[in-house]
N, C-alpha and C. Protein backbone atom coordinates (compact mmCIF):
# COMPACT_ATOMS: atom_id res chain seq x y z
N MET A 1 99.94 253.41 -66.55
CA MET A 1 100.44 254.29 -65.29
C MET A 1 101.28 253.11 -64.40
N MET A 2 102.05 253.44 -63.56
CA MET A 2 102.70 252.85 -62.49
C MET A 2 101.80 251.75 -61.93
N LYS A 3 102.50 250.72 -61.71
CA LYS A 3 101.72 249.73 -61.12
C LYS A 3 101.73 249.85 -59.44
N LYS A 4 100.41 249.84 -58.70
CA LYS A 4 100.62 249.95 -57.33
C LYS A 4 100.16 249.03 -56.82
N ILE A 5 100.87 248.85 -55.64
CA ILE A 5 100.88 247.61 -54.79
C ILE A 5 100.99 247.81 -53.28
N TYR A 6 99.69 247.63 -52.59
CA TYR A 6 99.53 248.13 -51.17
C TYR A 6 100.45 247.58 -50.13
N ARG A 7 101.11 248.61 -49.49
CA ARG A 7 101.59 247.73 -48.12
C ARG A 7 100.94 247.00 -47.29
N THR A 8 101.29 246.24 -46.53
CA THR A 8 100.37 245.39 -45.56
C THR A 8 99.97 246.14 -44.39
N GLY A 9 99.10 245.89 -43.77
CA GLY A 9 98.94 246.68 -42.27
C GLY A 9 99.81 246.14 -41.33
N ALA A 10 100.58 245.33 -41.47
CA ALA A 10 101.89 244.70 -40.68
C ALA A 10 102.90 245.96 -40.81
N ALA A 11 103.32 246.01 -42.19
CA ALA A 11 104.42 247.19 -42.13
C ALA A 11 104.19 248.51 -41.57
N LEU A 12 103.00 248.93 -41.56
CA LEU A 12 102.65 250.28 -40.91
C LEU A 12 102.41 250.17 -39.33
N LEU A 13 101.87 248.86 -39.03
CA LEU A 13 102.17 248.85 -37.64
C LEU A 13 103.88 248.84 -36.99
N MET A 14 104.49 248.48 -37.75
CA MET A 14 106.11 248.35 -37.39
C MET A 14 106.48 249.91 -37.23
N ILE A 15 105.81 250.74 -38.41
CA ILE A 15 106.43 251.96 -38.39
C ILE A 15 105.82 252.86 -36.93
N LEU A 16 104.74 252.40 -36.82
CA LEU A 16 103.98 253.07 -35.38
C LEU A 16 104.90 252.55 -34.24
N LEU A 17 105.19 251.25 -34.08
CA LEU A 17 106.07 250.55 -33.14
C LEU A 17 107.11 251.41 -32.91
N LEU A 18 107.94 251.64 -33.98
CA LEU A 18 109.22 252.20 -34.10
C LEU A 18 109.49 253.80 -33.42
N ALA A 19 108.32 254.27 -33.88
CA ALA A 19 107.95 255.87 -33.32
C ALA A 19 107.66 255.76 -31.92
N GLY A 20 106.96 254.76 -31.28
CA GLY A 20 106.63 254.54 -29.93
C GLY A 20 107.74 254.21 -29.33
N CYS A 21 108.62 253.61 -29.50
CA CYS A 21 109.97 253.19 -29.01
C CYS A 21 111.24 253.88 -29.05
N SER A 22 110.87 255.29 -30.02
CA SER A 22 112.12 256.10 -30.19
C SER A 22 112.87 256.66 -29.10
N SER A 23 112.09 256.89 -27.89
CA SER A 23 112.29 257.65 -26.68
C SER A 23 113.11 256.73 -25.76
N LYS A 24 113.25 255.41 -26.09
CA LYS A 24 113.92 254.55 -24.95
C LYS A 24 115.31 254.74 -25.45
N LYS A 25 116.17 254.30 -24.40
CA LYS A 25 117.59 254.59 -24.46
C LYS A 25 118.22 253.64 -25.30
N ALA A 26 119.31 254.09 -26.02
CA ALA A 26 119.89 253.37 -26.72
C ALA A 26 120.38 251.92 -26.41
N GLU A 27 120.88 251.72 -25.45
CA GLU A 27 121.15 250.58 -24.91
C GLU A 27 120.11 249.47 -25.15
N THR A 28 119.08 249.75 -24.80
CA THR A 28 117.64 248.74 -24.87
C THR A 28 117.29 248.35 -26.22
N GLU A 29 118.00 249.02 -27.49
CA GLU A 29 117.70 248.93 -28.83
C GLU A 29 118.54 247.67 -29.30
N PRO A 30 118.04 246.91 -29.99
CA PRO A 30 118.44 245.46 -30.57
C PRO A 30 119.79 246.21 -31.35
N GLU A 31 120.78 245.06 -31.27
CA GLU A 31 122.06 245.31 -31.98
C GLU A 31 121.77 245.18 -33.61
N THR A 32 122.21 246.10 -34.32
CA THR A 32 122.03 246.23 -35.73
C THR A 32 123.38 245.59 -36.43
N ASP A 33 122.99 245.10 -37.61
CA ASP A 33 124.24 244.45 -38.63
C ASP A 33 124.79 245.49 -39.37
N PRO A 34 126.02 245.97 -39.11
CA PRO A 34 126.65 247.19 -39.79
C PRO A 34 126.57 247.17 -41.73
N ALA A 35 126.29 245.67 -42.01
CA ALA A 35 126.12 245.75 -43.13
C ALA A 35 124.78 246.02 -43.85
N ASP A 36 124.02 246.30 -43.05
CA ASP A 36 122.36 246.51 -43.18
C ASP A 36 122.31 247.93 -43.09
N GLN A 37 122.54 248.65 -44.35
CA GLN A 37 122.52 250.07 -44.36
C GLN A 37 122.31 250.37 -45.87
N ALA A 38 121.90 251.82 -46.21
CA ALA A 38 121.48 252.26 -47.31
C ALA A 38 122.85 252.90 -47.77
N TYR A 39 123.36 252.40 -49.02
CA TYR A 39 124.64 252.94 -49.50
C TYR A 39 123.94 253.84 -50.73
N PRO A 40 124.50 255.30 -50.65
CA PRO A 40 124.14 256.21 -51.64
C PRO A 40 124.40 255.86 -53.03
N ILE A 41 123.50 256.15 -53.92
CA ILE A 41 123.97 256.22 -55.29
C ILE A 41 123.69 257.47 -55.82
N THR A 42 124.93 257.73 -56.52
CA THR A 42 125.27 259.44 -57.01
C THR A 42 125.18 259.53 -58.60
N ILE A 43 124.28 260.08 -59.11
CA ILE A 43 124.29 260.27 -60.43
C ILE A 43 124.59 261.96 -60.86
N GLY A 44 125.74 262.04 -61.56
CA GLY A 44 126.04 263.45 -61.60
C GLY A 44 126.41 264.11 -60.17
N ASP A 45 125.53 265.23 -59.66
CA ASP A 45 125.56 265.84 -58.37
C ASP A 45 124.67 265.44 -57.76
N THR A 46 123.63 264.55 -57.78
CA THR A 46 122.61 264.02 -57.10
C THR A 46 122.82 262.87 -56.45
N GLU A 47 122.69 262.93 -55.21
CA GLU A 47 122.79 261.69 -54.43
C GLU A 47 121.36 261.16 -53.71
N ILE A 48 121.26 259.74 -54.27
CA ILE A 48 120.00 259.08 -54.00
C ILE A 48 119.98 258.10 -52.96
N VAL A 49 119.15 258.04 -51.87
CA VAL A 49 119.18 257.32 -51.11
C VAL A 49 118.07 256.56 -50.66
N VAL A 50 117.82 255.45 -50.94
CA VAL A 50 116.62 254.81 -50.91
C VAL A 50 115.85 254.87 -49.45
N GLY A 51 114.71 254.91 -49.30
CA GLY A 51 114.01 255.24 -48.18
C GLY A 51 114.23 256.74 -47.71
N GLU A 52 114.87 257.92 -48.18
CA GLU A 52 115.07 258.86 -47.82
C GLU A 52 114.69 259.98 -48.94
N THR A 53 115.27 259.61 -49.92
CA THR A 53 115.26 260.72 -51.12
C THR A 53 113.81 261.00 -52.09
N SER A 54 113.48 261.84 -51.83
CA SER A 54 111.76 261.99 -52.58
C SER A 54 111.88 262.12 -53.98
N VAL A 55 110.82 261.83 -54.58
CA VAL A 55 110.70 262.17 -55.98
C VAL A 55 110.52 263.55 -56.13
N GLY A 56 110.23 264.72 -55.53
CA GLY A 56 110.49 265.93 -55.84
C GLY A 56 111.84 266.46 -56.02
N THR A 57 112.49 265.84 -54.90
CA THR A 57 114.39 266.22 -54.91
C THR A 57 114.66 265.98 -56.40
N LEU A 58 114.33 264.63 -57.11
CA LEU A 58 114.95 264.10 -58.09
C LEU A 58 114.40 264.96 -59.48
N LEU A 59 113.19 265.37 -59.19
CA LEU A 59 112.63 266.20 -60.37
C LEU A 59 113.32 267.60 -60.27
N ASP A 60 113.55 268.19 -58.93
CA ASP A 60 114.09 269.60 -59.06
C ASP A 60 115.49 269.26 -59.65
N ALA A 61 116.29 268.11 -59.44
CA ALA A 61 117.41 268.21 -59.81
C ALA A 61 117.56 268.02 -61.50
N GLY A 62 116.29 267.82 -62.31
CA GLY A 62 116.16 267.89 -63.52
C GLY A 62 116.02 266.57 -64.07
N PHE A 63 115.69 265.43 -63.25
CA PHE A 63 115.42 264.09 -63.56
C PHE A 63 113.87 264.11 -64.07
N MET A 64 113.62 263.09 -64.92
CA MET A 64 112.16 262.55 -65.47
C MET A 64 111.82 261.22 -64.73
N ILE A 65 110.83 261.04 -64.10
CA ILE A 65 110.43 259.58 -63.99
C ILE A 65 109.23 259.39 -64.79
N THR A 66 109.26 258.34 -65.85
CA THR A 66 108.37 257.97 -66.94
C THR A 66 107.80 256.28 -66.58
N VAL A 67 106.73 256.33 -67.29
CA VAL A 67 105.76 255.08 -67.20
C VAL A 67 105.53 254.96 -68.85
N SER A 68 105.49 253.38 -69.13
CA SER A 68 105.55 252.95 -70.48
C SER A 68 103.95 252.21 -70.40
N ASP A 69 103.08 252.57 -71.56
CA ASP A 69 101.82 251.90 -71.88
C ASP A 69 101.78 251.23 -73.21
N MET A 70 101.67 249.93 -73.41
CA MET A 70 101.24 249.31 -74.57
C MET A 70 99.89 249.04 -74.57
N ASP A 71 99.28 249.56 -76.14
CA ASP A 71 97.93 249.30 -76.23
C ASP A 71 98.09 248.15 -77.13
N SER A 72 96.73 247.64 -77.70
CA SER A 72 96.35 246.58 -78.43
C SER A 72 97.08 246.27 -79.66
N GLN A 73 97.65 247.33 -80.05
CA GLN A 73 98.23 247.27 -81.49
C GLN A 73 99.95 247.11 -80.86
N LYS A 74 100.43 246.91 -79.76
CA LYS A 74 101.60 246.94 -79.39
C LYS A 74 102.40 248.50 -79.56
N ASN A 75 101.59 249.24 -79.67
CA ASN A 75 102.28 250.55 -79.48
C ASN A 75 102.34 251.20 -78.18
N ILE A 76 103.84 251.50 -78.23
CA ILE A 76 104.18 252.11 -76.59
C ILE A 76 104.18 253.39 -76.55
N THR A 77 103.27 254.01 -75.46
CA THR A 77 103.35 255.38 -75.35
C THR A 77 104.20 256.02 -73.86
N VAL A 78 104.85 256.44 -73.95
CA VAL A 78 105.74 256.97 -72.79
C VAL A 78 105.30 258.15 -72.10
N TYR A 79 104.79 258.02 -70.54
CA TYR A 79 104.16 259.25 -69.91
C TYR A 79 105.15 259.63 -68.60
N GLU A 80 105.22 261.21 -68.72
CA GLU A 80 106.20 261.54 -67.61
C GLU A 80 105.03 261.62 -66.28
N ILE A 81 105.41 261.23 -65.26
CA ILE A 81 104.41 261.41 -63.84
C ILE A 81 104.53 262.57 -63.62
N ASP A 82 103.12 262.83 -62.94
CA ASP A 82 102.84 264.20 -62.59
C ASP A 82 103.02 264.36 -60.77
N PRO A 83 103.90 265.06 -60.20
CA PRO A 83 104.33 265.37 -58.97
C PRO A 83 103.26 265.70 -58.23
N ALA A 84 101.93 266.34 -58.83
CA ALA A 84 101.27 266.85 -58.05
C ALA A 84 99.93 266.00 -57.97
N GLN A 85 100.08 264.49 -58.63
CA GLN A 85 98.99 263.57 -58.47
C GLN A 85 98.92 262.95 -57.23
N GLU A 86 97.65 263.09 -56.64
CA GLU A 86 97.54 262.44 -55.13
C GLU A 86 97.73 261.14 -55.19
N LEU A 87 98.43 260.48 -54.36
CA LEU A 87 98.70 259.21 -53.91
C LEU A 87 98.26 258.57 -52.64
N GLU A 88 97.78 257.69 -52.49
CA GLU A 88 97.25 257.09 -51.42
C GLU A 88 98.33 256.77 -50.31
N ALA A 89 97.73 256.72 -49.09
CA ALA A 89 98.70 256.25 -47.93
C ALA A 89 99.23 254.86 -48.10
N ASN A 90 100.42 254.34 -47.77
CA ASN A 90 100.95 253.26 -47.59
C ASN A 90 100.77 252.44 -48.94
N SER A 91 101.24 253.07 -49.67
CA SER A 91 101.33 252.15 -51.03
C SER A 91 102.65 252.06 -51.73
N TYR A 92 102.92 251.07 -52.30
CA TYR A 92 104.13 250.98 -53.27
C TYR A 92 104.03 251.05 -54.72
N TYR A 93 104.67 251.92 -55.31
CA TYR A 93 104.56 252.19 -56.88
C TYR A 93 106.13 251.64 -57.45
N THR A 94 105.59 250.70 -58.36
CA THR A 94 106.79 250.03 -59.25
C THR A 94 106.42 250.30 -60.50
N GLY A 95 107.60 250.22 -61.61
CA GLY A 95 107.43 250.37 -62.99
C GLY A 95 107.84 251.42 -63.62
N GLY A 96 108.42 252.35 -62.68
CA GLY A 96 109.01 253.67 -63.16
C GLY A 96 110.45 253.62 -63.78
N THR A 97 110.63 254.64 -65.00
CA THR A 97 111.94 254.69 -65.37
C THR A 97 112.79 255.98 -64.86
N LEU A 98 114.09 255.96 -64.58
CA LEU A 98 114.60 257.11 -64.40
C LEU A 98 115.41 257.71 -65.50
N ARG A 99 115.06 259.05 -65.82
CA ARG A 99 115.74 259.41 -67.14
C ARG A 99 116.38 261.19 -66.57
N LYS A 100 117.48 261.45 -67.48
CA LYS A 100 117.92 262.59 -67.46
C LYS A 100 118.52 263.06 -68.74
N ASP A 101 118.30 264.05 -69.31
CA ASP A 101 118.92 264.62 -70.45
C ASP A 101 118.94 263.58 -71.62
N ASP A 102 117.80 262.93 -71.68
CA ASP A 102 117.45 261.56 -72.76
C ASP A 102 118.31 260.41 -72.70
N ILE A 103 118.92 260.42 -71.14
CA ILE A 103 119.55 259.12 -70.75
C ILE A 103 118.59 258.46 -69.67
N ILE A 104 118.60 257.19 -69.99
CA ILE A 104 117.98 256.25 -69.26
C ILE A 104 118.94 255.53 -68.43
N TYR A 105 118.73 255.89 -66.89
CA TYR A 105 119.43 255.36 -65.77
C TYR A 105 119.16 254.18 -65.33
N GLY A 106 117.89 253.56 -65.45
CA GLY A 106 117.23 252.23 -64.59
C GLY A 106 115.90 252.42 -64.39
N ASN A 107 115.54 251.38 -63.59
CA ASN A 107 114.29 251.48 -63.10
C ASN A 107 114.12 251.75 -61.59
N ILE A 108 113.06 252.51 -61.22
CA ILE A 108 112.54 253.07 -59.67
C ILE A 108 111.28 252.69 -59.39
N SER A 109 111.50 252.25 -57.87
CA SER A 109 109.82 252.14 -57.43
C SER A 109 110.07 253.35 -56.21
N ILE A 110 108.94 253.44 -55.89
CA ILE A 110 108.64 254.80 -54.88
C ILE A 110 107.34 254.40 -54.12
N ILE A 111 107.63 254.87 -52.98
CA ILE A 111 106.61 254.52 -51.70
C ILE A 111 105.99 255.59 -50.77
N THR A 112 104.83 255.59 -50.61
CA THR A 112 104.25 256.62 -49.64
C THR A 112 103.66 256.15 -48.12
N VAL A 113 104.11 257.01 -47.32
CA VAL A 113 103.59 256.43 -46.06
C VAL A 113 102.09 257.50 -45.77
N GLU A 114 102.22 258.47 -46.14
CA GLU A 114 100.98 259.13 -46.05
C GLU A 114 100.69 259.64 -47.12
N ALA A 115 99.19 259.83 -47.28
CA ALA A 115 98.48 260.26 -48.40
C ALA A 115 98.96 261.51 -48.67
N GLY A 116 99.19 261.91 -50.04
CA GLY A 116 99.97 263.27 -50.48
C GLY A 116 100.19 263.20 -51.76
N PRO A 117 100.77 264.20 -52.44
CA PRO A 117 101.15 264.27 -53.93
C PRO A 117 102.53 263.44 -54.14
N MET A 118 102.75 262.80 -55.30
CA MET A 118 103.51 262.03 -55.54
C MET A 118 105.19 262.52 -55.37
N GLY A 119 104.99 263.80 -55.40
CA GLY A 119 106.42 264.54 -55.20
C GLY A 119 106.74 264.35 -53.75
N ASP A 120 105.97 263.99 -53.11
CA ASP A 120 106.24 263.55 -51.84
C ASP A 120 106.71 262.35 -51.46
N ALA A 121 106.39 261.33 -52.43
CA ALA A 121 106.75 259.78 -52.08
C ALA A 121 108.24 259.85 -52.30
N VAL A 122 108.66 258.83 -51.40
CA VAL A 122 110.31 258.45 -51.65
C VAL A 122 110.60 257.35 -52.30
N VAL A 123 111.91 257.31 -52.67
CA VAL A 123 112.38 256.24 -53.39
C VAL A 123 112.74 254.92 -52.61
N ALA A 124 112.12 253.68 -52.94
CA ALA A 124 112.18 252.51 -52.42
C ALA A 124 113.15 251.65 -52.74
N ARG A 125 113.23 251.57 -54.42
CA ARG A 125 114.22 250.72 -54.93
C ARG A 125 114.91 251.27 -56.27
N LEU A 126 116.13 251.27 -56.33
CA LEU A 126 116.60 251.85 -57.59
C LEU A 126 117.51 251.06 -58.01
N GLU A 127 117.30 250.69 -59.58
CA GLU A 127 118.11 249.43 -60.23
C GLU A 127 118.66 250.21 -61.35
N LEU A 128 119.94 250.29 -61.58
CA LEU A 128 120.78 250.50 -62.91
C LEU A 128 121.12 249.30 -63.59
N ASP A 129 120.35 249.49 -64.81
CA ASP A 129 120.86 247.97 -65.68
C ASP A 129 120.89 248.57 -66.88
N GLY A 130 121.94 247.76 -67.49
CA GLY A 130 122.02 248.05 -69.22
C GLY A 130 123.32 249.38 -69.39
N TYR A 131 123.42 250.11 -68.67
CA TYR A 131 124.41 251.22 -68.74
C TYR A 131 124.58 252.04 -70.02
N ASP A 132 123.70 252.61 -70.69
CA ASP A 132 123.97 253.43 -71.79
C ASP A 132 124.06 254.39 -71.42
N PHE A 133 124.83 254.87 -70.25
CA PHE A 133 125.27 256.11 -69.80
C PHE A 133 126.70 256.00 -69.34
N ASP A 134 127.49 257.08 -69.03
CA ASP A 134 128.93 257.10 -68.84
C ASP A 134 128.74 256.73 -67.28
N LYS A 135 129.50 255.46 -66.93
CA LYS A 135 129.65 254.71 -65.96
C LYS A 135 130.56 255.43 -64.96
N SER A 136 131.35 256.51 -65.54
CA SER A 136 132.20 257.18 -64.63
C SER A 136 131.56 258.35 -64.05
N ALA A 137 130.31 258.75 -64.33
CA ALA A 137 129.65 259.59 -63.88
C ALA A 137 128.51 259.43 -62.81
N VAL A 138 128.46 258.04 -62.57
CA VAL A 138 127.55 257.39 -61.57
C VAL A 138 128.39 256.62 -60.55
N LYS A 139 128.07 257.03 -59.50
CA LYS A 139 128.66 256.26 -58.39
C LYS A 139 128.06 255.58 -57.26
N PHE A 140 128.27 254.67 -56.66
CA PHE A 140 127.98 253.77 -55.68
C PHE A 140 128.59 253.83 -54.21
N ALA A 141 128.13 254.48 -53.30
CA ALA A 141 129.06 254.69 -52.09
C ALA A 141 130.44 255.58 -52.34
N GLY A 142 130.29 256.43 -53.24
CA GLY A 142 131.41 257.04 -53.79
C GLY A 142 132.45 256.74 -54.91
N VAL A 143 132.11 255.49 -55.20
CA VAL A 143 133.35 254.69 -56.18
C VAL A 143 132.14 254.66 -57.78
N PRO A 144 133.16 255.14 -58.68
CA PRO A 144 132.34 255.11 -59.97
C PRO A 144 131.97 253.96 -60.36
N LEU A 145 130.88 253.64 -60.90
CA LEU A 145 130.62 252.20 -61.42
C LEU A 145 131.80 251.69 -62.25
N ASN A 146 132.42 252.52 -63.12
CA ASN A 146 133.39 251.93 -64.23
C ASN A 146 134.44 251.39 -62.90
N GLU A 147 134.87 251.47 -61.72
CA GLU A 147 135.77 251.10 -61.24
C GLU A 147 135.18 249.79 -60.34
N LEU A 148 134.18 249.43 -60.37
CA LEU A 148 133.47 248.43 -59.57
C LEU A 148 133.45 246.83 -60.23
N THR A 149 134.72 246.50 -59.77
CA THR A 149 135.09 244.66 -60.03
C THR A 149 134.24 243.92 -59.30
N ASN A 150 134.20 242.92 -59.39
CA ASN A 150 133.92 242.03 -58.25
C ASN A 150 134.58 242.02 -57.06
N GLU A 151 135.85 242.34 -56.95
CA GLU A 151 136.74 242.30 -55.94
C GLU A 151 136.34 243.67 -55.04
N LYS A 152 136.23 244.49 -55.91
CA LYS A 152 136.06 246.21 -55.53
C LYS A 152 134.42 246.45 -55.01
N VAL A 153 133.68 245.41 -55.31
CA VAL A 153 132.29 245.86 -54.73
C VAL A 153 132.27 245.02 -53.18
N GLN A 154 133.14 244.09 -52.95
CA GLN A 154 133.11 243.48 -51.71
C GLN A 154 134.18 244.30 -50.79
N GLU A 155 134.78 245.33 -51.14
CA GLU A 155 135.52 246.20 -50.45
C GLU A 155 134.74 247.47 -50.01
N VAL A 156 133.54 247.44 -50.92
CA VAL A 156 132.68 249.01 -50.66
C VAL A 156 131.72 248.44 -49.98
N ALA A 157 131.06 247.29 -50.35
CA ALA A 157 129.85 247.05 -49.50
C ALA A 157 130.08 245.78 -48.46
N GLU A 158 129.50 246.08 -47.07
CA GLU A 158 129.86 244.96 -46.06
C GLU A 158 128.78 243.70 -46.26
N GLY A 159 129.32 242.61 -46.03
CA GLY A 159 128.44 241.32 -45.94
C GLY A 159 128.08 240.74 -46.91
N LEU A 160 128.45 240.91 -48.34
CA LEU A 160 128.20 240.66 -49.50
C LEU A 160 128.47 239.06 -49.52
N THR A 161 127.66 238.16 -50.36
CA THR A 161 127.86 236.79 -50.65
C THR A 161 127.65 236.63 -52.11
N GLY A 162 128.26 235.39 -52.91
CA GLY A 162 128.15 235.47 -54.29
C GLY A 162 128.85 234.62 -54.79
N ASP A 163 129.13 235.07 -56.12
CA ASP A 163 130.26 234.22 -57.02
C ASP A 163 130.73 234.99 -58.07
N GLU A 164 131.25 234.69 -58.95
CA GLU A 164 132.03 235.28 -60.05
C GLU A 164 130.68 236.41 -60.72
N TYR A 165 129.43 235.99 -60.96
CA TYR A 165 128.64 236.67 -61.42
C TYR A 165 127.76 237.46 -60.75
N MET A 166 127.69 237.32 -59.42
CA MET A 166 126.85 238.14 -58.48
C MET A 166 127.31 238.33 -57.25
N GLN A 167 127.18 239.55 -56.65
CA GLN A 167 127.64 239.85 -55.00
C GLN A 167 126.03 240.63 -54.55
N PHE A 168 125.63 239.95 -53.42
CA PHE A 168 124.35 240.55 -53.17
C PHE A 168 124.66 240.39 -51.43
N TYR A 169 123.74 241.38 -50.90
CA TYR A 169 123.27 241.30 -49.44
C TYR A 169 121.87 241.30 -49.15
N LYS A 170 121.45 240.56 -48.45
CA LYS A 170 119.80 240.87 -47.93
C LYS A 170 119.77 240.74 -46.38
N GLY A 171 119.62 242.16 -46.15
CA GLY A 171 119.47 242.47 -44.53
C GLY A 171 117.88 242.62 -44.07
N ASP A 172 117.74 242.81 -42.91
CA ASP A 172 116.41 243.17 -42.36
C ASP A 172 115.67 244.41 -42.93
N GLU A 173 116.78 245.47 -43.46
CA GLU A 173 116.12 246.77 -43.71
C GLU A 173 116.40 246.98 -44.97
N TYR A 174 117.49 246.58 -45.74
CA TYR A 174 118.28 247.01 -46.88
C TYR A 174 118.64 245.60 -47.92
N GLU A 175 118.39 245.72 -49.15
CA GLU A 175 119.03 244.90 -50.01
C GLU A 175 119.96 245.39 -51.22
N VAL A 176 121.14 244.64 -51.46
CA VAL A 176 121.99 245.08 -52.57
C VAL A 176 122.40 244.31 -53.55
N PHE A 177 122.42 244.56 -54.54
CA PHE A 177 122.83 243.63 -55.59
C PHE A 177 123.78 243.76 -56.75
N PHE A 178 124.70 243.42 -56.99
CA PHE A 178 125.60 243.69 -58.03
C PHE A 178 125.69 242.55 -59.00
N GLY A 179 125.44 242.78 -60.33
CA GLY A 179 125.80 241.49 -61.40
C GLY A 179 126.98 241.87 -62.27
N PHE A 180 127.42 240.70 -63.11
CA PHE A 180 128.75 240.83 -63.63
C PHE A 180 128.42 239.93 -64.77
N ASP A 181 128.99 240.31 -66.06
CA ASP A 181 129.22 239.41 -67.13
C ASP A 181 130.39 238.47 -67.16
N THR A 182 130.27 237.80 -68.30
CA THR A 182 131.23 236.49 -68.24
C THR A 182 132.72 236.98 -68.10
N GLU A 183 133.09 238.38 -68.50
CA GLU A 183 134.28 238.81 -68.42
C GLU A 183 134.59 239.60 -67.19
N GLY A 184 133.65 239.64 -66.42
CA GLY A 184 133.75 240.50 -64.94
C GLY A 184 133.28 242.01 -65.13
N GLY A 185 132.69 242.17 -66.06
CA GLY A 185 132.06 243.71 -66.16
C GLY A 185 130.91 243.62 -65.41
N LEU A 186 130.74 244.81 -64.64
CA LEU A 186 129.54 245.18 -63.96
C LEU A 186 128.29 245.58 -64.93
N THR A 187 127.44 244.73 -64.59
CA THR A 187 126.20 244.91 -65.41
C THR A 187 124.68 245.22 -65.04
N LYS A 188 124.74 245.25 -63.50
CA LYS A 188 123.49 245.57 -62.85
C LYS A 188 123.89 245.82 -61.55
N VAL A 189 123.11 247.25 -61.02
CA VAL A 189 123.48 247.47 -59.52
C VAL A 189 121.84 247.70 -58.93
N SER A 190 121.72 247.31 -57.95
CA SER A 190 120.39 247.56 -57.40
C SER A 190 120.42 247.93 -55.87
N MET A 191 119.60 248.81 -55.48
CA MET A 191 119.55 249.22 -54.11
C MET A 191 118.26 249.24 -53.30
N GLU A 192 117.95 248.92 -52.25
CA GLU A 192 116.44 248.60 -52.11
C GLU A 192 116.16 248.63 -50.64
N LYS A 193 115.36 249.62 -50.14
CA LYS A 193 115.09 249.53 -48.68
C LYS A 193 113.77 248.73 -48.70
N LYS A 194 113.68 247.68 -47.74
CA LYS A 194 112.55 246.51 -47.70
C LYS A 194 111.34 247.23 -47.22
N TYR A 195 110.25 246.75 -47.62
CA TYR A 195 108.92 247.36 -46.73
C TYR A 195 108.31 245.95 -46.91
N ASP A 196 107.30 245.66 -46.07
CA ASP A 196 106.58 244.55 -45.50
C ASP A 196 105.40 244.63 -46.92
N ILE A 197 105.48 244.02 -47.78
CA ILE A 197 104.60 244.32 -49.05
C ILE A 197 103.53 243.37 -49.44
N ASP A 198 102.10 243.31 -49.68
CA ASP A 198 101.30 242.45 -49.96
C ASP A 198 101.25 242.41 -51.43
N TRP A 199 102.19 241.56 -52.01
CA TRP A 199 102.51 241.39 -53.35
C TRP A 199 101.19 240.68 -54.25
N THR A 200 100.27 240.41 -53.66
CA THR A 200 99.16 239.89 -54.16
C THR A 200 98.05 241.03 -54.26
N LYS A 201 98.22 241.91 -53.99
CA LYS A 201 97.02 243.05 -53.94
C LYS A 201 97.53 244.33 -54.75
N LYS A 202 97.01 244.30 -56.20
CA LYS A 202 97.95 245.23 -57.13
C LYS A 202 96.53 245.95 -57.77
N GLU A 203 96.74 247.14 -58.31
CA GLU A 203 95.95 247.71 -59.13
C GLU A 203 96.76 247.84 -60.60
């Protein structure tokens, strides 16, 4: 099943503090970096925004999220997640694969704030890697992946830094990454909403 990693109490406290301060005037809020934003990834007609899009939304759009399990004989079994499965509050789940119509799009991680069914969990991280799919049908911030060169991604996403093989941005709230091969072709895209996670506490 999907690996489960608990969020720390500090992350939950941060959510409570933000909620408590939401009624303050905008001028009292700290200035944010315009580059620190969630860029949408669109697959076909489905827009995915980390920190917002739910598992249920993806399943309703015809996607599957699967996990793989290997036994002692190294036989791999693929399981489809159950959106009705109850999840604990403040938990981060990684190790999922996003699929549709027998096409694998990449790896997905989800997160819960409150206890509830898996269908209510939201996408925390999405990584498109390998590209055994039509790149023209998948978009990052409205631009098809087959059009994203090293130079183009620096126009599309703000605040990137890197070299000929990668461009990335790490903000307080979000992280974005683009990988390129030796010929300049796009090989990887990831978009992540950052959470305060205790990576040492796993199940």
